[in-house]
Amino acid sequence: MSHNFFRAGRRNRAVAKVVLLIALLTAPLCARADVTIPDTPAGHTLQAFLTAMNSGDHDKIAAYVKEFDPKNNADGLTGFAAQTGGFNLVSILSSAPDRLTFMVHGRADNIDAYGTLQLESTAPPRVKQLGIRALPPGAKIDDIHLDAALRQKTIDAVSKQLTDHYVYPDVAAKMIQAVRDHQAHGDYNSITNGNEFAGILMRDLRAVSHDGHLFVGYNPYIMPGDSSGPHAPSPADEARFRAELEHDNCSFSKVEILSHNIGYVKFGEFAPPEYCASTVTAAMSFLAHADAIIFDLRENHGGDPQMVDFMVSYLFHDSTHINDLTTRLDNDTHQYWTLPWVPGPRFVDQPVYVLTSHETFSGGEEFTFDLKTQKRATIVGETTGGGAHPVRGMPAGDHFTIGVPFARPINPITKGDWEGTGVEPDVKVSAADALTTAEKLATEKLASKNKTE
């Protein structure tokens, strides 16, 4: 599969309170009607979370966030609820007043998952960490208790992967030194929970690199006969991944014609073209006779650079050099040019608008940056999130993985990228006002064009 700008649970740039790791389903567990949620602060929080998520209602989810998890994002959780369909509680595995482990089953995605909940020591208690991890086929729950030796092994493995692969060797060295300094000060000595340790390591690494793609993950399970880390997906895995994308319509949520014959398309990711090119072609064909096009990337968190290239190609007549990608390990540079042929009509004369927010990230930013630097689109909205480095998941000792940003884009015009700075819009407005503003701009431009013809 192609290297993805974001794919590690569909959103790894934030220290998300709820993460659904992309893992593929074995035989589903059955929800039990007799599962009793403990009458504890942690149990009350879990009940509130499940009730909110199972409602699928944004206002109810926002109320849960406000009362129990104010550091979280209601929009993100609402999207997560739509993706999973909410959860049936299967079992409570362990319980303490301030923490729980449990099993759930996704109502819509049919995925079995292992959950952990830990509360802050505040009054009233608030969520410190709530993770929901999908279980791969054949996985066996093994939520370990960390000791000094395992923490050391994990730090050593993380350090090696950063040393060998991180896009900037000098930054890798600084990150490793920062973690070693925290370790020397005893900052990790009391951490026995794998999820907590992964989150703290990621926090400390990002505090140095400010790299939103870098992540550390913890897997509370083992695979039979093998604990060496991620492997290439099997044909069955690929088939299930395709089915997941198709169920999500390859993230395309709206394709329509607005007033004044303005085309509008909204999608949340750049899915691999080998699975989703036909969806893009269908969307672009629907817009074939639009007089202007608005691409809504306000909730787009990245994806496959090959798909970015494919979609950008619809907007240029001649072959155009739009991006380069240079990898750290072999110093190899891959050039991206618009494709000589795309199925369906191209849009070479119509004005183009791209809507952005601070949530627009990674591949969504590349699409925006490519069109902005080529002066092919007007960018409307907020400065984007600032994540340019593609990432690859790697093993980091027992139960841990690290997502290592291993390459960097080089724009052929600016000779730079958007890492850490984001893409500045041409017309800066709030994300909420971006669509209305772009429609107005498009309408005015079309009216002006009609007067001169």
Protein backbone atom coordinates (compact mmCIF):
# COMPACT_ATOMS: atom_id res chain seq x y z
CA MET A 1 0.00 0.00 0.00
CA SER A 2 1.14 3.56 -0.61
CA HIS A 3 2.71 5.63 2.13
CA ASN A 4 -0.01 7.68 3.73
CA PHE A 5 0.29 11.14 5.21
CA PHE A 6 -2.01 10.31 8.08
CA ARG A 7 -3.13 6.75 8.23
CA ALA A 8 -2.74 5.48 11.74
CA GLY A 9 -6.27 5.46 13.01
CA ARG A 10 -7.34 8.14 10.54
CA ARG A 11 -6.19 10.88 12.85
CA ASN A 12 -2.97 10.62 14.79
CA ARG A 13 -1.88 14.23 14.82
CA ALA A 14 -3.75 15.16 17.99
CA VAL A 15 -3.28 13.41 21.31
CA ALA A 16 -6.79 12.10 20.81
CA LYS A 17 -8.75 10.99 23.81
CA VAL A 18 -10.53 8.34 21.76
CA VAL A 19 -8.64 6.50 19.04
CA LEU A 20 -9.93 3.77 16.79
CA LEU A 21 -6.83 2.05 15.44
CA ILE A 22 -7.33 0.60 11.97
CA ALA A 23 -7.39 -3.11 12.62
CA LEU A 24 -9.49 -5.72 10.94
CA LEU A 25 -12.19 -7.86 12.41
CA THR A 26 -12.13 -11.44 13.50
CA ALA A 27 -15.33 -13.20 14.61
CA PRO A 28 -17.40 -10.59 16.46
CA LEU A 29 -18.08 -10.83 20.15
CA CYS A 30 -21.64 -10.85 21.34
CA ALA A 31 -22.91 -8.04 23.50
CA ARG A 32 -24.26 -9.22 26.83
CA ALA A 33 -27.39 -7.85 28.39
CA ASP A 34 -26.17 -8.67 31.90
CA VAL A 35 -23.05 -6.49 31.89
CA THR A 36 -23.16 -4.21 34.93
CA ILE A 37 -21.19 -0.99 34.83
CA PRO A 38 -19.52 -0.40 38.21
CA ASP A 39 -21.02 2.21 40.53
CA THR A 40 -17.77 4.19 40.62
CA PRO A 41 -16.62 7.54 39.18
CA ALA A 42 -15.01 5.66 36.29
CA GLY A 43 -18.17 3.62 35.75
CA HIS A 44 -20.35 6.72 35.71
CA THR A 45 -18.05 8.31 33.13
CA LEU A 46 -18.11 5.21 30.93
CA GLN A 47 -21.91 5.13 31.09
CA ALA A 48 -22.08 8.79 30.07
CA PHE A 49 -19.67 8.17 27.19
CA LEU A 50 -21.61 5.19 25.86
CA THR A 51 -24.95 6.98 26.18
CA ALA A 52 -23.64 10.01 24.28
CA MET A 53 -21.91 7.99 21.56
CA ASN A 54 -24.87 5.68 21.05
CA SER A 55 -27.18 8.63 20.59
CA GLY A 56 -25.13 9.89 17.65
CA ASP A 57 -26.47 13.34 18.53
CA HIS A 58 -23.94 16.18 18.38
CA ASP A 59 -25.61 18.17 21.17
CA LYS A 60 -25.62 15.19 23.53
CA ILE A 61 -22.01 14.39 22.70
CA ALA A 62 -21.09 18.05 23.27
CA ALA A 63 -22.81 17.91 26.68
CA TYR A 64 -20.78 14.81 27.57
CA VAL A 65 -17.56 16.56 26.53
CA LYS A 66 -18.39 19.64 28.58
CA GLU A 67 -19.14 17.67 31.75
CA PHE A 68 -16.70 14.76 31.60
CA ASP A 69 -14.01 15.38 28.98
CA PRO A 70 -13.52 19.12 28.30
CA LYS A 71 -10.17 18.61 26.55
CA ASN A 72 -11.87 16.57 23.85
CA ASN A 73 -13.61 17.73 20.69
CA ALA A 74 -17.34 17.21 20.18
CA ASP A 75 -17.09 17.36 16.39
CA GLY A 76 -14.42 14.67 16.35
CA LEU A 77 -16.39 12.43 18.69
CA THR A 78 -19.53 12.91 16.61
CA GLY A 79 -17.62 11.75 13.55
CA PHE A 80 -16.27 8.80 15.53
CA ALA A 81 -19.82 7.90 16.58
CA ALA A 82 -20.97 7.98 12.96
CA GLN A 83 -18.06 5.80 11.90
CA THR A 84 -18.61 3.13 14.55
CA GLY A 85 -22.37 3.44 15.02
CA GLY A 86 -21.79 3.63 18.76
CA PHE A 87 -20.88 0.67 20.97
CA ASN A 88 -22.44 -2.30 22.70
CA LEU A 89 -20.70 -3.05 25.97
CA VAL A 90 -19.50 -6.66 25.98
CA SER A 91 -17.70 -6.95 29.31
CA ILE A 92 -15.91 -5.17 32.13
CA LEU A 93 -12.42 -6.67 32.44
CA SER A 94 -11.06 -4.73 35.41
CA SER A 95 -12.35 -2.00 37.67
CA ALA A 96 -11.04 0.56 40.15
CA PRO A 97 -12.65 3.80 41.29
CA ASP A 98 -10.61 5.90 38.85
CA ARG A 99 -10.09 3.43 35.98
CA LEU A 100 -11.67 0.65 33.94
CA THR A 101 -10.81 -1.76 31.19
CA PHE A 102 -13.62 -3.14 29.06
CA MET A 103 -14.63 -4.74 25.76
CA VAL A 104 -17.07 -3.19 23.28
CA HIS A 105 -18.46 -4.07 19.87
CA GLY A 106 -19.04 -1.43 17.18
CA ARG A 107 -22.70 -1.34 16.18
CA ALA A 108 -22.11 -0.24 12.57
CA ASP A 109 -18.51 -1.15 11.79
CA ASN A 110 -18.78 -4.60 13.45
CA ILE A 111 -15.38 -4.20 15.09
CA ASP A 112 -14.50 -5.66 18.48
CA ALA A 113 -12.41 -3.34 20.58
CA TYR A 114 -10.63 -3.11 23.91
CA GLY A 115 -11.20 0.01 25.98
CA THR A 116 -9.33 1.73 28.77
CA LEU A 117 -10.56 4.63 30.86
CA GLN A 118 -8.57 6.59 33.41
CA LEU A 119 -9.72 9.66 35.33
CA GLU A 120 -7.80 12.68 36.56
CA SER A 121 -7.49 13.15 40.31
CA THR A 122 -9.68 16.25 40.23
CA ALA A 123 -12.96 17.19 41.83
CA PRO A 124 -15.15 16.41 40.03
CA PRO A 125 -13.09 13.81 38.17
CA ARG A 126 -12.46 14.37 34.47
CA VAL A 127 -11.20 12.04 31.76
CA LYS A 128 -7.43 11.71 31.67
CA GLN A 129 -7.38 9.03 28.98
CA LEU A 130 -10.06 7.09 27.15
CA GLY A 131 -8.85 4.74 24.45
CA ILE A 132 -10.74 2.28 22.28
CA ARG A 133 -8.48 -0.10 20.36
CA ALA A 134 -9.70 -2.40 17.62
CA LEU A 135 -8.51 -5.99 17.86
CA PRO A 136 -6.85 -7.63 14.85
CA PRO A 137 -7.82 -11.18 13.89
CA GLY A 138 -6.46 -13.74 16.34
CA ALA A 139 -5.35 -11.17 18.89
CA LYS A 140 -5.26 -12.09 22.56
CA ILE A 141 -5.73 -9.43 25.24
CA ASP A 142 -2.46 -8.85 27.10
CA ASP A 143 -2.61 -5.50 28.87
CA ILE A 144 0.73 -5.57 30.62
CA HIS A 145 1.91 -3.92 33.82
CA LEU A 146 5.03 -1.91 33.01
CA ASP A 147 8.18 -2.23 35.08
CA ALA A 148 11.53 -0.44 34.81
CA ALA A 149 12.98 -3.01 32.42
CA LEU A 150 10.08 -2.76 29.97
CA ARG A 151 10.08 1.04 30.10
CA GLN A 152 13.80 0.96 29.33
CA LYS A 153 13.31 -1.49 26.46
CA THR A 154 10.62 0.71 24.97
CA ILE A 155 12.71 3.88 25.23
CA ASP A 156 15.66 2.12 23.61
CA ALA A 157 13.48 0.84 20.74
CA VAL A 158 11.87 4.25 20.19
CA SER A 159 15.29 5.87 20.19
CA LYS A 160 16.66 3.46 17.59
CA GLN A 161 13.76 3.94 15.21
CA LEU A 162 14.07 7.72 15.47
CA THR A 163 17.84 7.57 14.98
CA ASP A 164 17.52 5.36 11.91
CA HIS A 165 14.49 6.88 10.21
CA TYR A 166 13.32 10.29 11.44
CA VAL A 167 13.35 12.85 8.64
CA TYR A 168 15.76 15.22 10.44
CA PRO A 169 18.62 13.40 12.26
CA ASP A 170 19.51 16.42 14.42
CA VAL A 171 15.91 16.73 15.63
CA ALA A 172 15.83 12.99 16.31
CA ALA A 173 18.90 13.34 18.53
CA LYS A 174 17.28 16.20 20.46
CA MET A 175 14.08 14.22 20.98
CA ILE A 176 16.00 11.22 22.27
CA GLN A 177 18.02 13.37 24.64
CA ALA A 178 14.85 14.97 26.00
CA VAL A 179 13.36 11.54 26.76
CA ARG A 180 16.62 10.41 28.39
CA ASP A 181 16.58 13.56 30.54
CA HIS A 182 13.00 12.87 31.66
CA GLN A 183 14.02 9.31 32.44
CA ALA A 184 17.07 10.45 34.44
CA HIS A 185 14.84 12.76 36.49
CA GLY A 186 12.56 9.85 37.35
CA ASP A 187 9.59 11.28 35.46
CA TYR A 188 8.58 7.85 34.16
CA ASN A 189 9.24 5.78 37.27
CA SER A 190 5.65 5.59 38.48
CA ILE A 191 4.06 4.81 35.12
CA THR A 192 2.83 1.23 34.90
CA ASN A 193 0.04 1.64 32.33
CA GLY A 194 0.98 1.12 28.68
CA ASN A 195 -1.45 3.65 27.23
CA GLU A 196 -0.30 6.31 29.68
CA PHE A 197 3.36 5.63 28.93
CA ALA A 198 2.81 5.82 25.18
CA GLY A 199 0.94 9.10 25.55
CA ILE A 200 3.62 10.66 27.74
CA LEU A 201 6.44 9.55 25.45
CA MET A 202 4.58 11.05 22.49
CA ARG A 203 4.02 14.28 24.41
CA ASP A 204 7.70 14.58 25.29
CA LEU A 205 8.86 13.80 21.75
CA ARG A 206 6.46 16.27 20.20
CA ALA A 207 7.46 18.94 22.70
CA VAL A 208 10.84 18.96 20.94
CA SER A 209 9.93 18.22 17.32
CA HIS A 210 6.47 19.85 17.17
CA ASP A 211 5.77 17.18 14.56
CA GLY A 212 2.05 16.40 14.48
CA HIS A 213 2.59 13.18 12.56
CA LEU A 214 4.85 11.55 15.14
CA PHE A 215 3.01 9.21 17.47
CA VAL A 216 3.67 6.44 19.97
CA GLY A 217 1.09 3.70 20.31
CA TYR A 218 0.46 0.89 22.75
CA ASN A 219 -1.18 -2.41 21.76
CA PRO A 220 -2.86 -4.16 24.70
CA TYR A 221 -2.76 -7.51 22.91
CA ILE A 222 -0.45 -10.10 21.41
CA MET A 223 -0.67 -12.04 18.18
CA PRO A 224 -0.30 -15.84 18.35
CA GLY A 225 3.31 -16.90 17.87
CA ASP A 226 4.53 -13.43 16.89
CA SER A 227 5.13 -10.15 18.70
CA SER A 228 7.59 -8.59 16.27
CA GLY A 229 5.34 -5.76 15.24
CA PRO A 230 3.39 -4.66 12.17
CA HIS A 231 3.34 -6.82 9.04
CA ALA A 232 2.16 -6.37 5.49
CA PRO A 233 -1.60 -6.84 5.21
CA SER A 234 -2.89 -10.15 3.92
CA PRO A 235 -5.30 -10.39 0.95
CA ALA A 236 -8.12 -10.81 3.46
CA ASP A 237 -6.97 -7.67 5.28
CA GLU A 238 -6.91 -5.77 2.00
CA ALA A 239 -10.43 -6.94 1.18
CA ARG A 240 -11.74 -5.81 4.57
CA PHE A 241 -9.95 -2.48 4.22
CA ARG A 242 -11.59 -1.97 0.83
CA ALA A 243 -14.98 -2.85 2.33
CA GLU A 244 -14.44 -0.30 5.10
CA LEU A 245 -13.60 2.43 2.60
CA GLU A 246 -16.57 1.56 0.41
CA HIS A 247 -18.89 1.60 3.42
CA ASP A 248 -17.60 5.11 4.15
CA ASN A 249 -18.01 6.08 0.46
CA CYS A 250 -14.26 6.77 0.44
CA SER A 251 -15.01 9.69 2.83
CA PHE A 252 -17.04 11.64 0.23
CA SER A 253 -19.97 13.01 2.19
CA LYS A 254 -21.38 15.65 -0.17
CA VAL A 255 -21.28 16.22 -3.92
CA GLU A 256 -23.84 18.71 -5.15
CA ILE A 257 -24.59 21.70 -7.35
CA LEU A 258 -25.18 24.90 -5.40
CA SER A 259 -26.95 27.99 -6.68
CA HIS A 260 -25.40 29.75 -9.70
CA ASN A 261 -24.17 26.35 -10.94
CA ILE A 262 -21.34 26.15 -8.42
CA GLY A 263 -20.10 22.63 -7.79
CA TYR A 264 -19.40 21.56 -4.22
CA VAL A 265 -17.59 18.47 -2.95
CA LYS A 266 -16.74 17.57 0.65
CA PHE A 267 -14.50 14.66 1.64
CA GLY A 268 -12.56 13.75 4.76
CA GLU A 269 -9.50 11.94 3.40
CA PHE A 270 -7.48 11.13 0.31
CA ALA A 271 -8.06 7.38 0.25
CA PRO A 272 -5.75 5.14 -1.81
CA PRO A 273 -6.59 5.45 -5.52
CA GLU A 274 -6.40 1.70 -6.05
CA TYR A 275 -9.58 1.50 -3.96
CA CYS A 276 -11.25 4.87 -4.42
CA ALA A 277 -10.32 6.32 -7.83
CA SER A 278 -13.73 5.34 -9.18
CA THR A 279 -15.45 7.33 -6.41
CA VAL A 280 -13.42 10.42 -7.31
CA THR A 281 -14.23 9.93 -10.99
CA ALA A 282 -17.94 9.67 -10.21
CA ALA A 283 -17.83 12.85 -8.11
CA MET A 284 -15.94 14.83 -10.73
CA SER A 285 -18.20 13.57 -13.50
CA PHE A 286 -21.23 14.73 -11.55
CA LEU A 287 -19.70 18.22 -11.44
CA ALA A 288 -18.74 18.14 -15.13
CA HIS A 289 -20.88 21.13 -16.16
CA ALA A 290 -20.34 23.31 -13.07
CA ASP A 291 -19.12 26.85 -13.71
CA ALA A 292 -16.98 26.87 -10.53
CA ILE A 293 -15.94 24.27 -7.96
CA ILE A 294 -15.57 24.42 -4.18
CA PHE A 295 -13.53 21.70 -2.47
CA ASP A 296 -14.41 21.50 1.23
CA LEU A 297 -11.35 20.28 3.14
CA ARG A 298 -12.27 21.75 6.52
CA GLU A 299 -12.48 18.25 8.02
CA ASN A 300 -9.89 16.58 5.79
CA HIS A 301 -7.07 15.02 7.78
CA GLY A 302 -4.87 13.67 5.01
CA GLY A 303 -4.27 10.47 3.14
CA ASP A 304 -2.41 9.00 0.22
CA PRO A 305 -0.18 11.35 -1.85
CA GLN A 306 -1.03 9.33 -4.96
CA MET A 307 -4.68 10.29 -4.49
CA VAL A 308 -3.72 13.94 -3.99
CA ASP A 309 -1.88 13.77 -7.31
CA PHE A 310 -4.87 12.11 -8.99
CA MET A 311 -7.35 14.72 -7.82
CA VAL A 312 -5.10 17.69 -8.56
CA SER A 313 -4.68 16.35 -12.10
CA TYR A 314 -8.32 17.12 -12.84
CA LEU A 315 -7.58 20.83 -12.49
CA PHE A 316 -4.72 21.29 -14.98
CA HIS A 317 -4.59 21.00 -18.75
CA ASP A 318 -0.83 20.58 -19.20
CA SER A 319 1.55 18.33 -17.30
CA THR A 320 2.51 20.28 -14.18
CA HIS A 321 5.18 19.59 -11.56
CA ILE A 322 3.30 19.94 -8.27
CA ASN A 323 5.42 18.33 -5.53
CA ASP A 324 8.50 16.31 -4.61
CA LEU A 325 8.93 13.88 -1.73
CA THR A 326 12.41 13.22 -0.32
CA THR A 327 13.00 10.28 2.01
CA ARG A 328 15.56 10.34 4.79
CA LEU A 329 16.87 6.78 4.60
CA ASP A 330 18.06 6.71 0.99
CA ASN A 331 17.83 10.43 0.16
CA ASP A 332 15.65 9.46 -2.77
CA THR A 333 13.34 12.08 -4.30
CA HIS A 334 10.07 11.18 -6.00
CA GLN A 335 8.56 13.82 -8.26
CA TYR A 336 4.82 14.27 -8.51
CA TRP A 337 3.43 15.63 -11.79
CA THR A 338 -0.18 15.93 -12.83
CA LEU A 339 -1.25 12.87 -14.75
CA PRO A 340 -1.38 12.91 -18.56
CA TRP A 341 -4.87 11.36 -18.51
CA VAL A 342 -7.75 11.19 -16.06
CA PRO A 343 -11.11 9.50 -16.59
CA GLY A 344 -13.83 12.02 -17.32
CA PRO A 345 -13.64 15.76 -17.95
CA ARG A 346 -10.95 18.08 -16.64
CA PHE A 347 -11.72 21.45 -15.05
CA VAL A 348 -9.12 23.78 -16.50
CA ASP A 349 -11.07 27.03 -16.93
CA GLN A 350 -13.46 27.04 -14.00
CA PRO A 351 -12.48 29.02 -10.89
CA VAL A 352 -11.60 26.75 -7.95
CA TYR A 353 -11.97 27.41 -4.21
CA VAL A 354 -10.60 25.33 -1.34
CA LEU A 355 -12.11 25.60 2.15
CA THR A 356 -9.74 25.09 5.09
CA SER A 357 -9.75 25.05 8.87
CA HIS A 358 -7.15 24.52 11.55
CA GLU A 359 -8.23 20.86 11.37
CA THR A 360 -7.16 20.54 7.72
CA PHE A 361 -4.03 18.43 7.92
CA SER A 362 -1.34 16.53 6.04
CA GLY A 363 -2.56 15.40 2.60
CA GLY A 364 -5.39 17.92 2.85
CA GLU A 365 -2.72 20.57 3.24
CA GLU A 366 -0.72 19.24 0.32
CA PHE A 367 -3.75 19.53 -1.98
CA THR A 368 -4.26 23.09 -0.73
CA PHE A 369 -0.57 24.01 -0.98
CA ASP A 370 -0.21 22.56 -4.49
CA LEU A 371 -3.13 24.59 -5.80
CA LYS A 372 -2.13 27.75 -3.96
CA THR A 373 1.47 27.76 -5.17
CA GLN A 374 0.32 27.05 -8.75
CA LYS A 375 -2.20 29.91 -8.41
CA ARG A 376 -4.90 27.48 -9.47
CA ALA A 377 -7.27 28.01 -6.54
CA THR A 378 -8.38 30.59 -4.01
CA ILE A 379 -7.96 29.31 -0.45
CA VAL A 380 -10.73 30.40 1.92
CA GLY A 381 -10.88 29.79 5.67
CA GLU A 382 -8.30 29.29 8.41
CA THR A 383 -4.60 28.50 8.50
CA THR A 384 -4.20 24.74 8.31
CA GLY A 385 -2.70 22.42 10.94
CA GLY A 386 0.92 22.29 9.77
CA GLY A 387 1.73 18.62 9.20
CA ALA A 388 3.82 17.88 6.10
CA HIS A 389 5.82 14.76 6.91
CA PRO A 390 4.51 11.34 5.82
CA VAL A 391 4.66 8.72 8.55
CA ARG A 392 5.34 5.00 8.76
CA GLY A 393 4.40 2.72 11.67
CA MET A 394 7.29 0.72 13.16
CA PRO A 395 7.67 -1.68 16.11
CA ALA A 396 9.10 -0.23 19.31
CA GLY A 397 9.60 -3.16 21.66
CA ASP A 398 6.96 -5.33 23.28
CA HIS A 399 3.43 -3.97 22.71
CA PHE A 400 4.58 -0.55 21.51
CA THR A 401 4.77 1.05 18.10
CA ILE A 402 6.05 4.40 16.87
CA GLY A 403 4.88 6.35 13.87
CA VAL A 404 8.06 7.85 12.43
CA PRO A 405 7.89 10.75 9.96
CA PHE A 406 10.46 9.57 7.43
CA ALA A 407 10.28 12.04 4.52
CA ARG A 408 9.53 15.63 3.63
CA PRO A 409 7.85 17.32 0.67
CA ILE A 410 9.63 19.96 -1.39
CA ASN A 411 7.42 22.27 -3.39
CA PRO A 412 8.93 22.98 -6.82
CA ILE A 413 7.98 26.67 -6.59
CA THR A 414 8.67 27.61 -2.97
CA LYS A 415 11.35 24.92 -2.38
CA GLY A 416 9.78 24.46 1.04
CA ASP A 417 6.72 22.93 2.71
CA TRP A 418 4.08 23.71 5.32
CA GLU A 419 5.49 21.74 8.28
CA GLY A 420 4.82 23.60 11.52
CA THR A 421 3.38 26.66 9.82
CA GLY A 422 0.34 25.41 7.93
CA VAL A 423 -1.04 26.86 4.72
CA GLU A 424 -2.23 30.45 4.93
CA PRO A 425 -5.56 31.12 3.21
CA ASP A 426 -5.89 33.78 0.53
CA VAL A 427 -9.11 34.91 2.19
CA LYS A 428 -8.96 34.50 5.96
CA VAL A 429 -12.33 33.88 7.62
CA SER A 430 -13.55 31.50 10.28
CA ALA A 431 -14.07 27.91 9.19
CA ALA A 432 -17.78 28.32 9.88
CA ASP A 433 -17.99 31.20 7.40
CA ALA A 434 -15.74 29.70 4.72
CA LEU A 435 -18.44 28.14 2.54
CA THR A 436 -20.65 31.23 2.48
CA THR A 437 -17.62 33.37 1.67
CA ALA A 438 -16.44 31.09 -1.13
CA GLU A 439 -19.93 30.97 -2.65
CA LYS A 440 -20.03 34.76 -2.65
CA LEU A 441 -16.59 35.01 -4.23
CA ALA A 442 -17.48 32.46 -6.89
CA THR A 443 -20.79 34.15 -7.68
CA GLU A 444 -19.10 37.53 -8.06
CA LYS A 445 -16.36 36.10 -10.26
CA LEU A 446 -18.84 34.34 -12.52
CA ALA A 447 -20.95 37.48 -12.79
CA SER A 448 -17.88 39.52 -13.72
CA LYS A 449 -16.86 36.92 -16.29
CA ASN A 450 -20.32 36.95 -17.87
CA LYS A 451 -20.22 40.74 -18.23
CA THR A 452 -16.96 40.63 -20.17
CA GLU A 453 -18.09 37.90 -22.57
